[in-house]
Amino acid sequence: DFHRKIVVADQADLGAPRWGELQLRIFGTRVLKLDDQPNKDDPDFINPELQEIRRPLWVVNSNIQWNWEQLTLNYVLTFLGKQALDDVEIETGRETFVNPFADRFYIHDLAGSYEVVKDLTVYGGVNNITGVDPIATSTSYPVSPVGRPFFLGVSSRL
């Protein structure tokens, strides 16, 4: 696992224009080994799971967030590495299927919020900006079958 966060703070105290704060984050996981031992009575039987569906080798998320006064804008990029199609066993998939793998995924999301008055915020955004489709053998992974959902809302605190 890894994580890195960089904050570029407002430089108004140095005489620069007031442009808010910029935060950059990247975090992810590289899985080295993922084996399942499905039968406790047969400890020698190991079922390798790495790179089967929902078990990619790499998962990386990055986030860019800009805060300026009451406005916040947020961009998220998610990377999912190559993984087998649904119901494909990694140990036999290459012999059974011509192409048992789904491509790598890059998923882009954008959101924003604005605090209208204290305790009242308007927010909105769009997920899956580029319209990535789910894996052909899955109805909802790694993205919703809806496609490119937009959202808009209001939140308040009492």
N, C-alpha and C. Protein backbone atom coordinates (compact mmCIF):
# COMPACT_ATOMS: atom_id res chain seq x y z
N ASP A 1 0.84 -1.18 0.00
CA ASP A 1 0.00 0.00 0.00
C ASP A 1 0.89 1.24 0.00
N PHE A 2 0.37 2.29 -0.59
CA PHE A 2 1.09 3.55 -0.55
C PHE A 2 0.09 4.70 -0.51
N HIS A 3 0.54 5.83 0.01
CA HIS A 3 -0.29 7.03 0.13
C HIS A 3 0.61 8.25 0.15
N ARG A 4 0.23 9.25 -0.57
CA ARG A 4 0.97 10.52 -0.57
C ARG A 4 -0.02 11.65 -0.69
N LYS A 5 0.13 12.66 0.15
CA LYS A 5 -0.74 13.83 0.12
C LYS A 5 0.14 15.07 0.07
N ILE A 6 -0.18 15.97 -0.84
CA ILE A 6 0.53 17.23 -0.97
C ILE A 6 -0.50 18.34 -0.87
N VAL A 7 -0.25 19.30 0.00
CA VAL A 7 -1.16 20.43 0.17
C VAL A 7 -0.41 21.70 -0.23
N VAL A 8 -0.98 22.42 -1.19
CA VAL A 8 -0.44 23.71 -1.59
C VAL A 8 -1.35 24.75 -0.94
N ALA A 9 -0.87 25.35 0.13
CA ALA A 9 -1.69 26.25 0.92
C ALA A 9 -1.82 27.61 0.25
N ASP A 10 -2.79 28.35 0.69
CA ASP A 10 -3.03 29.71 0.21
C ASP A 10 -1.79 30.56 0.49
N GLN A 11 -1.37 31.34 -0.50
CA GLN A 11 -0.16 32.15 -0.37
C GLN A 11 -0.47 33.63 -0.11
N ALA A 12 -1.67 33.93 0.39
CA ALA A 12 -2.07 35.32 0.60
C ALA A 12 -1.15 36.03 1.61
N ASP A 13 -0.65 35.28 2.59
CA ASP A 13 0.23 35.91 3.59
C ASP A 13 1.58 36.31 2.99
N LEU A 14 1.91 35.84 1.79
CA LEU A 14 3.15 36.22 1.12
C LEU A 14 2.92 37.29 0.06
N GLY A 15 1.74 37.89 0.05
CA GLY A 15 1.44 38.94 -0.90
C GLY A 15 0.85 38.45 -2.21
N ALA A 16 0.67 37.15 -2.36
CA ALA A 16 0.08 36.58 -3.59
C ALA A 16 -1.45 36.71 -3.52
N PRO A 17 -2.12 36.67 -4.68
CA PRO A 17 -3.59 36.70 -4.66
C PRO A 17 -4.15 35.50 -3.90
N ARG A 18 -5.31 35.68 -3.33
CA ARG A 18 -5.95 34.63 -2.54
C ARG A 18 -6.67 33.67 -3.49
N TRP A 19 -6.12 32.45 -3.66
CA TRP A 19 -6.71 31.46 -4.57
C TRP A 19 -7.11 30.18 -3.87
N GLY A 20 -7.09 30.16 -2.57
CA GLY A 20 -7.53 28.97 -1.85
C GLY A 20 -6.42 27.96 -1.64
N GLU A 21 -6.86 26.71 -1.44
CA GLU A 21 -5.94 25.63 -1.13
C GLU A 21 -6.13 24.49 -2.14
N LEU A 22 -5.04 23.91 -2.57
CA LEU A 22 -5.07 22.79 -3.50
C LEU A 22 -4.48 21.57 -2.81
N GLN A 23 -5.23 20.45 -2.84
CA GLN A 23 -4.76 19.20 -2.25
C GLN A 23 -4.63 18.15 -3.34
N LEU A 24 -3.51 17.48 -3.36
CA LEU A 24 -3.26 16.39 -4.30
C LEU A 24 -3.00 15.13 -3.50
N ARG A 25 -3.71 14.05 -3.83
CA ARG A 25 -3.53 12.78 -3.11
C ARG A 25 -3.44 11.64 -4.12
N ILE A 26 -2.61 10.68 -3.79
CA ILE A 26 -2.55 9.44 -4.55
C ILE A 26 -2.37 8.32 -3.54
N PHE A 27 -3.15 7.27 -3.70
CA PHE A 27 -3.04 6.13 -2.81
C PHE A 27 -3.45 4.88 -3.57
N GLY A 28 -2.86 3.77 -3.20
CA GLY A 28 -3.17 2.56 -3.92
C GLY A 28 -2.60 1.32 -3.29
N THR A 29 -2.83 0.22 -3.98
CA THR A 29 -2.42 -1.08 -3.50
C THR A 29 -1.88 -1.91 -4.66
N ARG A 30 -0.81 -2.61 -4.40
CA ARG A 30 -0.27 -3.60 -5.34
C ARG A 30 -0.31 -4.92 -4.59
N VAL A 31 -1.15 -5.84 -5.02
CA VAL A 31 -1.30 -7.12 -4.35
C VAL A 31 -0.22 -8.07 -4.85
N LEU A 32 0.52 -8.66 -3.95
CA LEU A 32 1.60 -9.57 -4.32
C LEU A 32 1.11 -11.01 -4.50
N LYS A 33 0.20 -11.43 -3.63
CA LYS A 33 -0.29 -12.80 -3.68
C LYS A 33 -1.67 -12.84 -3.04
N LEU A 34 -2.57 -13.61 -3.62
CA LEU A 34 -3.91 -13.74 -3.06
C LEU A 34 -4.39 -15.16 -3.32
N ASP A 35 -4.18 -16.02 -2.34
CA ASP A 35 -4.56 -17.42 -2.47
C ASP A 35 -5.66 -17.75 -1.48
N ASP A 36 -6.57 -18.61 -1.92
CA ASP A 36 -7.67 -19.07 -1.09
C ASP A 36 -7.44 -20.55 -0.78
N GLN A 37 -7.74 -20.94 0.42
CA GLN A 37 -7.66 -22.34 0.81
C GLN A 37 -9.08 -22.77 1.15
N PRO A 38 -9.86 -23.17 0.12
CA PRO A 38 -11.30 -23.40 0.31
C PRO A 38 -11.65 -24.65 1.11
N ASN A 39 -10.73 -25.58 1.25
CA ASN A 39 -11.05 -26.83 1.93
C ASN A 39 -10.09 -27.03 3.09
N LYS A 40 -10.60 -26.88 4.30
CA LYS A 40 -9.73 -27.02 5.48
C LYS A 40 -9.23 -28.45 5.66
N ASP A 41 -9.93 -29.41 5.06
CA ASP A 41 -9.49 -30.80 5.15
C ASP A 41 -8.39 -31.15 4.15
N ASP A 42 -8.17 -30.26 3.18
CA ASP A 42 -7.12 -30.48 2.18
C ASP A 42 -6.24 -29.23 2.12
N PRO A 43 -5.32 -29.08 3.09
CA PRO A 43 -4.50 -27.87 3.17
C PRO A 43 -3.56 -27.67 1.98
N ASP A 44 -3.36 -28.73 1.18
CA ASP A 44 -2.48 -28.60 0.02
C ASP A 44 -3.20 -28.01 -1.20
N PHE A 45 -4.53 -27.97 -1.16
CA PHE A 45 -5.28 -27.40 -2.29
C PHE A 45 -5.36 -25.89 -2.12
N ILE A 46 -4.71 -25.18 -3.03
CA ILE A 46 -4.68 -23.71 -3.01
C ILE A 46 -5.35 -23.21 -4.28
N ASN A 47 -6.26 -22.26 -4.13
CA ASN A 47 -6.95 -21.66 -5.27
C ASN A 47 -6.44 -20.23 -5.44
N PRO A 48 -5.57 -19.95 -6.43
CA PRO A 48 -5.08 -18.58 -6.63
C PRO A 48 -6.21 -17.67 -7.11
N GLU A 49 -6.37 -16.52 -6.48
CA GLU A 49 -7.45 -15.59 -6.78
C GLU A 49 -6.98 -14.30 -7.45
N LEU A 50 -5.69 -14.00 -7.36
CA LEU A 50 -5.18 -12.73 -7.87
C LEU A 50 -5.43 -12.60 -9.37
N GLN A 51 -5.96 -11.48 -9.76
CA GLN A 51 -6.35 -11.09 -11.12
C GLN A 51 -7.64 -11.75 -11.60
N GLU A 52 -8.39 -12.38 -10.69
CA GLU A 52 -9.75 -12.76 -11.04
C GLU A 52 -10.61 -11.53 -10.86
N ILE A 53 -11.86 -11.57 -11.30
CA ILE A 53 -12.71 -10.38 -11.26
C ILE A 53 -12.79 -9.84 -9.82
N ARG A 54 -12.68 -8.54 -9.70
CA ARG A 54 -12.68 -7.80 -8.43
C ARG A 54 -11.42 -8.03 -7.61
N ARG A 55 -10.39 -8.59 -8.23
CA ARG A 55 -9.13 -8.82 -7.53
C ARG A 55 -7.94 -8.44 -8.44
N PRO A 56 -7.89 -7.20 -8.90
CA PRO A 56 -6.79 -6.80 -9.79
C PRO A 56 -5.47 -6.72 -9.03
N LEU A 57 -4.41 -6.78 -9.80
CA LEU A 57 -3.06 -6.65 -9.26
C LEU A 57 -2.83 -5.25 -8.68
N TRP A 58 -3.31 -4.24 -9.42
CA TRP A 58 -3.14 -2.84 -9.02
C TRP A 58 -4.49 -2.15 -8.87
N VAL A 59 -4.62 -1.33 -7.83
CA VAL A 59 -5.73 -0.38 -7.67
C VAL A 59 -5.10 0.92 -7.18
N VAL A 60 -5.33 1.99 -7.95
CA VAL A 60 -4.74 3.29 -7.60
C VAL A 60 -5.85 4.35 -7.69
N ASN A 61 -5.93 5.19 -6.69
CA ASN A 61 -6.86 6.32 -6.69
C ASN A 61 -6.06 7.60 -6.56
N SER A 62 -6.47 8.61 -7.31
CA SER A 62 -5.86 9.93 -7.15
C SER A 62 -6.98 10.95 -7.03
N ASN A 63 -6.67 12.01 -6.34
CA ASN A 63 -7.68 13.00 -6.02
C ASN A 63 -7.04 14.38 -6.07
N ILE A 64 -7.70 15.30 -6.75
CA ILE A 64 -7.29 16.71 -6.76
C ILE A 64 -8.48 17.49 -6.21
N GLN A 65 -8.24 18.22 -5.14
CA GLN A 65 -9.31 19.01 -4.52
C GLN A 65 -8.86 20.45 -4.36
N TRP A 66 -9.73 21.37 -4.77
CA TRP A 66 -9.46 22.80 -4.64
C TRP A 66 -10.52 23.41 -3.74
N ASN A 67 -10.10 24.06 -2.69
CA ASN A 67 -10.99 24.75 -1.75
C ASN A 67 -10.71 26.25 -1.83
N TRP A 68 -11.74 27.01 -2.10
CA TRP A 68 -11.60 28.46 -2.15
C TRP A 68 -12.85 29.08 -1.53
N GLU A 69 -12.65 29.71 -0.40
CA GLU A 69 -13.75 30.28 0.38
C GLU A 69 -14.82 29.22 0.58
N GLN A 70 -16.04 29.41 0.07
CA GLN A 70 -17.11 28.43 0.30
C GLN A 70 -17.20 27.38 -0.81
N LEU A 71 -16.34 27.46 -1.82
CA LEU A 71 -16.39 26.57 -2.97
C LEU A 71 -15.37 25.43 -2.85
N THR A 72 -15.80 24.22 -3.17
CA THR A 72 -14.91 23.06 -3.22
C THR A 72 -15.15 22.33 -4.53
N LEU A 73 -14.07 22.07 -5.27
CA LEU A 73 -14.14 21.26 -6.49
C LEU A 73 -13.25 20.04 -6.29
N ASN A 74 -13.71 18.89 -6.77
CA ASN A 74 -13.00 17.65 -6.52
C ASN A 74 -12.99 16.78 -7.78
N TYR A 75 -11.80 16.32 -8.18
CA TYR A 75 -11.64 15.41 -9.31
C TYR A 75 -11.01 14.13 -8.79
N VAL A 76 -11.58 12.98 -9.17
CA VAL A 76 -11.07 11.68 -8.73
C VAL A 76 -10.79 10.81 -9.95
N LEU A 77 -9.63 10.20 -9.98
CA LEU A 77 -9.27 9.23 -11.02
C LEU A 77 -9.00 7.91 -10.32
N THR A 78 -9.69 6.85 -10.77
CA THR A 78 -9.49 5.51 -10.24
C THR A 78 -8.93 4.62 -11.34
N PHE A 79 -7.86 3.91 -11.03
CA PHE A 79 -7.27 2.95 -11.97
C PHE A 79 -7.44 1.55 -11.39
N LEU A 80 -7.97 0.64 -12.19
CA LEU A 80 -8.08 -0.77 -11.83
C LEU A 80 -7.31 -1.57 -12.87
N GLY A 81 -6.38 -2.37 -12.42
CA GLY A 81 -5.56 -3.16 -13.34
C GLY A 81 -6.33 -4.29 -13.99
N LYS A 82 -5.66 -4.94 -14.91
CA LYS A 82 -6.23 -6.04 -15.68
C LYS A 82 -6.73 -7.12 -14.73
N GLN A 83 -7.88 -7.72 -15.09
CA GLN A 83 -8.45 -8.79 -14.29
C GLN A 83 -9.29 -9.70 -15.18
N ALA A 84 -9.48 -10.91 -14.74
CA ALA A 84 -10.22 -11.88 -15.54
C ALA A 84 -11.71 -11.53 -15.59
N LEU A 85 -12.36 -12.01 -16.62
CA LEU A 85 -13.81 -11.84 -16.73
C LEU A 85 -14.51 -12.66 -15.65
N ASP A 86 -15.78 -12.37 -15.41
CA ASP A 86 -16.56 -13.07 -14.40
C ASP A 86 -16.57 -14.57 -14.67
N ASP A 87 -16.48 -15.36 -13.65
CA ASP A 87 -16.51 -16.83 -13.70
C ASP A 87 -15.30 -17.45 -14.39
N VAL A 88 -14.25 -16.69 -14.63
CA VAL A 88 -13.01 -17.24 -15.20
C VAL A 88 -12.05 -17.51 -14.06
N GLU A 89 -11.60 -18.73 -13.97
CA GLU A 89 -10.59 -19.09 -12.98
C GLU A 89 -9.22 -18.77 -13.57
N ILE A 90 -8.43 -18.04 -12.85
CA ILE A 90 -7.14 -17.56 -13.35
C ILE A 90 -6.21 -18.70 -13.74
N GLU A 91 -6.30 -19.83 -13.04
CA GLU A 91 -5.38 -20.93 -13.32
C GLU A 91 -5.72 -21.70 -14.60
N THR A 92 -6.96 -21.60 -15.10
CA THR A 92 -7.33 -22.31 -16.34
C THR A 92 -7.84 -21.38 -17.44
N GLY A 93 -8.00 -20.12 -17.15
CA GLY A 93 -8.61 -19.18 -18.09
C GLY A 93 -7.88 -19.02 -19.40
N ARG A 94 -6.56 -19.02 -19.36
CA ARG A 94 -5.79 -18.83 -20.59
C ARG A 94 -5.94 -20.00 -21.56
N GLU A 95 -6.14 -21.20 -21.03
CA GLU A 95 -6.34 -22.37 -21.90
C GLU A 95 -7.78 -22.48 -22.37
N THR A 96 -8.74 -22.00 -21.58
CA THR A 96 -10.15 -22.17 -21.88
C THR A 96 -10.71 -21.07 -22.77
N PHE A 97 -10.22 -19.83 -22.62
CA PHE A 97 -10.78 -18.69 -23.33
C PHE A 97 -9.73 -18.03 -24.23
N VAL A 98 -10.19 -17.46 -25.34
CA VAL A 98 -9.28 -16.73 -26.23
C VAL A 98 -8.75 -15.49 -25.53
N ASN A 99 -9.63 -14.73 -24.93
CA ASN A 99 -9.23 -13.52 -24.19
C ASN A 99 -9.98 -13.49 -22.86
N PRO A 100 -9.41 -14.07 -21.81
CA PRO A 100 -10.13 -14.15 -20.54
C PRO A 100 -10.06 -12.89 -19.69
N PHE A 101 -9.39 -11.83 -20.18
CA PHE A 101 -9.18 -10.65 -19.35
C PHE A 101 -9.97 -9.43 -19.84
N ALA A 102 -10.42 -8.65 -18.89
CA ALA A 102 -10.98 -7.33 -19.17
C ALA A 102 -9.82 -6.34 -19.21
N ASP A 103 -9.97 -5.29 -19.98
CA ASP A 103 -8.93 -4.27 -20.04
C ASP A 103 -8.79 -3.55 -18.71
N ARG A 104 -7.73 -2.78 -18.61
CA ARG A 104 -7.55 -1.90 -17.45
C ARG A 104 -8.64 -0.83 -17.49
N PHE A 105 -9.00 -0.31 -16.33
CA PHE A 105 -10.05 0.71 -16.25
C PHE A 105 -9.49 2.01 -15.69
N TYR A 106 -9.90 3.11 -16.30
CA TYR A 106 -9.65 4.45 -15.78
C TYR A 106 -11.01 5.10 -15.61
N ILE A 107 -11.38 5.41 -14.39
CA ILE A 107 -12.70 5.96 -14.10
C ILE A 107 -12.51 7.38 -13.56
N HIS A 108 -13.18 8.35 -14.18
CA HIS A 108 -13.05 9.76 -13.82
C HIS A 108 -14.36 10.27 -13.21
N ASP A 109 -14.26 10.95 -12.07
CA ASP A 109 -15.42 11.54 -11.40
C ASP A 109 -15.12 13.01 -11.09
N LEU A 110 -16.14 13.83 -11.13
CA LEU A 110 -16.00 15.26 -10.85
C LEU A 110 -17.16 15.70 -9.97
N ALA A 111 -16.86 16.45 -8.92
CA ALA A 111 -17.90 16.93 -8.01
C ALA A 111 -17.54 18.30 -7.47
N GLY A 112 -18.53 18.98 -6.97
CA GLY A 112 -18.31 20.29 -6.36
C GLY A 112 -19.37 20.59 -5.33
N SER A 113 -19.06 21.53 -4.47
CA SER A 113 -20.03 21.97 -3.48
C SER A 113 -19.81 23.44 -3.18
N TYR A 114 -20.89 24.09 -2.76
CA TYR A 114 -20.82 25.50 -2.40
C TYR A 114 -21.67 25.73 -1.15
N GLU A 115 -21.02 26.30 -0.12
CA GLU A 115 -21.73 26.60 1.12
C GLU A 115 -22.43 27.95 0.94
N VAL A 116 -23.74 27.89 0.74
CA VAL A 116 -24.54 29.09 0.47
C VAL A 116 -24.57 29.99 1.71
N VAL A 117 -24.93 29.44 2.81
CA VAL A 117 -24.89 30.09 4.12
C VAL A 117 -24.43 29.03 5.11
N LYS A 118 -24.12 29.46 6.33
CA LYS A 118 -23.66 28.49 7.32
C LYS A 118 -24.70 27.36 7.46
N ASP A 119 -24.21 26.13 7.39
CA ASP A 119 -25.02 24.92 7.54
C ASP A 119 -25.97 24.63 6.37
N LEU A 120 -25.77 25.27 5.21
CA LEU A 120 -26.56 24.97 4.01
C LEU A 120 -25.63 24.91 2.81
N THR A 121 -25.49 23.71 2.24
CA THR A 121 -24.56 23.47 1.14
C THR A 121 -25.29 22.88 -0.06
N VAL A 122 -24.97 23.38 -1.23
CA VAL A 122 -25.46 22.83 -2.49
C VAL A 122 -24.29 22.05 -3.11
N TYR A 123 -24.57 20.84 -3.61
CA TYR A 123 -23.50 20.02 -4.18
C TYR A 123 -23.99 19.33 -5.45
N GLY A 124 -23.06 18.90 -6.25
CA GLY A 124 -23.41 18.19 -7.48
C GLY A 124 -22.17 17.64 -8.15
N GLY A 125 -22.41 16.86 -9.19
CA GLY A 125 -21.28 16.30 -9.91
C GLY A 125 -21.70 15.27 -10.91
N VAL A 126 -20.71 14.61 -11.47
CA VAL A 126 -20.93 13.53 -12.43
C VAL A 126 -19.90 12.44 -12.16
N ASN A 127 -20.38 11.21 -12.11
CA ASN A 127 -19.51 10.06 -11.95
C ASN A 127 -19.31 9.38 -13.30
N ASN A 128 -18.16 8.78 -13.49
CA ASN A 128 -17.85 8.06 -14.71
C ASN A 128 -17.98 8.99 -15.93
N ILE A 129 -17.27 10.10 -15.89
CA ILE A 129 -17.35 11.13 -16.93
C ILE A 129 -17.15 10.56 -18.33
N THR A 130 -16.22 9.64 -18.49
CA THR A 130 -15.91 9.12 -19.82
C THR A 130 -16.82 7.98 -20.27
N GLY A 131 -17.78 7.60 -19.44
CA GLY A 131 -18.76 6.59 -19.84
C GLY A 131 -18.21 5.18 -19.95
N VAL A 132 -17.30 4.80 -19.05
CA VAL A 132 -16.76 3.45 -19.04
C VAL A 132 -17.89 2.45 -18.81
N ASP A 133 -17.91 1.37 -19.56
CA ASP A 133 -18.92 0.32 -19.40
C ASP A 133 -18.45 -0.71 -18.38
N PRO A 134 -19.41 -1.39 -17.72
CA PRO A 134 -19.01 -2.49 -16.82
C PRO A 134 -18.33 -3.60 -17.61
N ILE A 135 -17.62 -4.46 -16.91
CA ILE A 135 -17.02 -5.63 -17.54
C ILE A 135 -18.13 -6.40 -18.23
N ALA A 136 -17.86 -6.91 -19.42
CA ALA A 136 -18.89 -7.55 -20.26
C ALA A 136 -19.65 -8.66 -19.54
N THR A 137 -19.01 -9.37 -18.64
CA THR A 137 -19.67 -10.48 -17.96
C THR A 137 -20.23 -10.08 -16.60
N SER A 138 -20.22 -8.80 -16.29
CA SER A 138 -20.73 -8.31 -15.01
C SER A 138 -21.71 -7.18 -15.27
N THR A 139 -22.75 -7.10 -14.47
CA THR A 139 -23.74 -6.04 -14.70
C THR A 139 -23.41 -4.74 -13.98
N SER A 140 -22.50 -4.77 -13.00
CA SER A 140 -22.29 -3.54 -12.25
C SER A 140 -20.87 -3.36 -11.72
N TYR A 141 -19.89 -3.97 -12.34
CA TYR A 141 -18.52 -3.80 -11.86
C TYR A 141 -17.62 -3.47 -13.03
N PRO A 142 -16.74 -2.51 -12.95
CA PRO A 142 -16.39 -1.66 -11.82
C PRO A 142 -17.21 -0.38 -11.75
N VAL A 143 -18.16 -0.21 -12.66
CA VAL A 143 -19.01 0.98 -12.65
C VAL A 143 -20.46 0.56 -12.71
N SER A 144 -21.33 1.50 -12.42
CA SER A 144 -22.76 1.25 -12.48
C SER A 144 -23.21 1.04 -13.92
N PRO A 145 -24.20 0.20 -14.15
CA PRO A 145 -24.72 0.03 -15.51
C PRO A 145 -25.48 1.26 -16.00
N VAL A 146 -25.75 2.19 -15.11
CA VAL A 146 -26.45 3.42 -15.48
C VAL A 146 -25.63 4.22 -16.48
N GLY A 147 -24.32 4.12 -16.41
CA GLY A 147 -23.46 4.81 -17.35
C GLY A 147 -22.77 6.00 -16.74
N ARG A 148 -23.34 7.18 -16.92
CA ARG A 148 -22.74 8.42 -16.46
C ARG A 148 -23.74 9.16 -15.57
N PRO A 149 -23.85 8.79 -14.30
CA PRO A 149 -24.85 9.43 -13.44
C PRO A 149 -24.45 10.84 -13.01
N PHE A 150 -25.41 11.75 -13.08
CA PHE A 150 -25.26 13.10 -12.57
C PHE A 150 -25.99 13.15 -11.23
N PHE A 151 -25.52 14.00 -10.35
CA PHE A 151 -26.22 14.17 -9.07
C PHE A 151 -26.19 15.62 -8.65
N LEU A 152 -27.22 16.02 -7.94
CA LEU A 152 -27.37 17.38 -7.45
C LEU A 152 -28.16 17.30 -6.15
N GLY A 153 -27.74 18.07 -5.16
CA GLY A 153 -28.45 18.00 -3.90
C GLY A 153 -28.16 19.19 -3.00
N VAL A 154 -28.85 19.19 -1.90
CA VAL A 154 -28.71 20.21 -0.87
C VAL A 154 -28.56 19.49 0.45
N SER A 155 -27.63 19.94 1.27
CA SER A 155 -27.50 19.38 2.62
C SER A 155 -27.56 20.52 3.63
N SER A 156 -28.13 20.20 4.77
CA SER A 156 -28.22 21.21 5.83
C SER A 156 -28.03 20.54 7.18
N ARG A 157 -27.62 21.34 8.13
CA ARG A 157 -27.47 20.87 9.50
C ARG A 157 -28.42 21.66 10.37
N LEU A 158 -29.07 20.95 11.23
CA LEU A 158 -30.02 21.61 12.13
C LEU A 158 -29.40 21.91 13.46
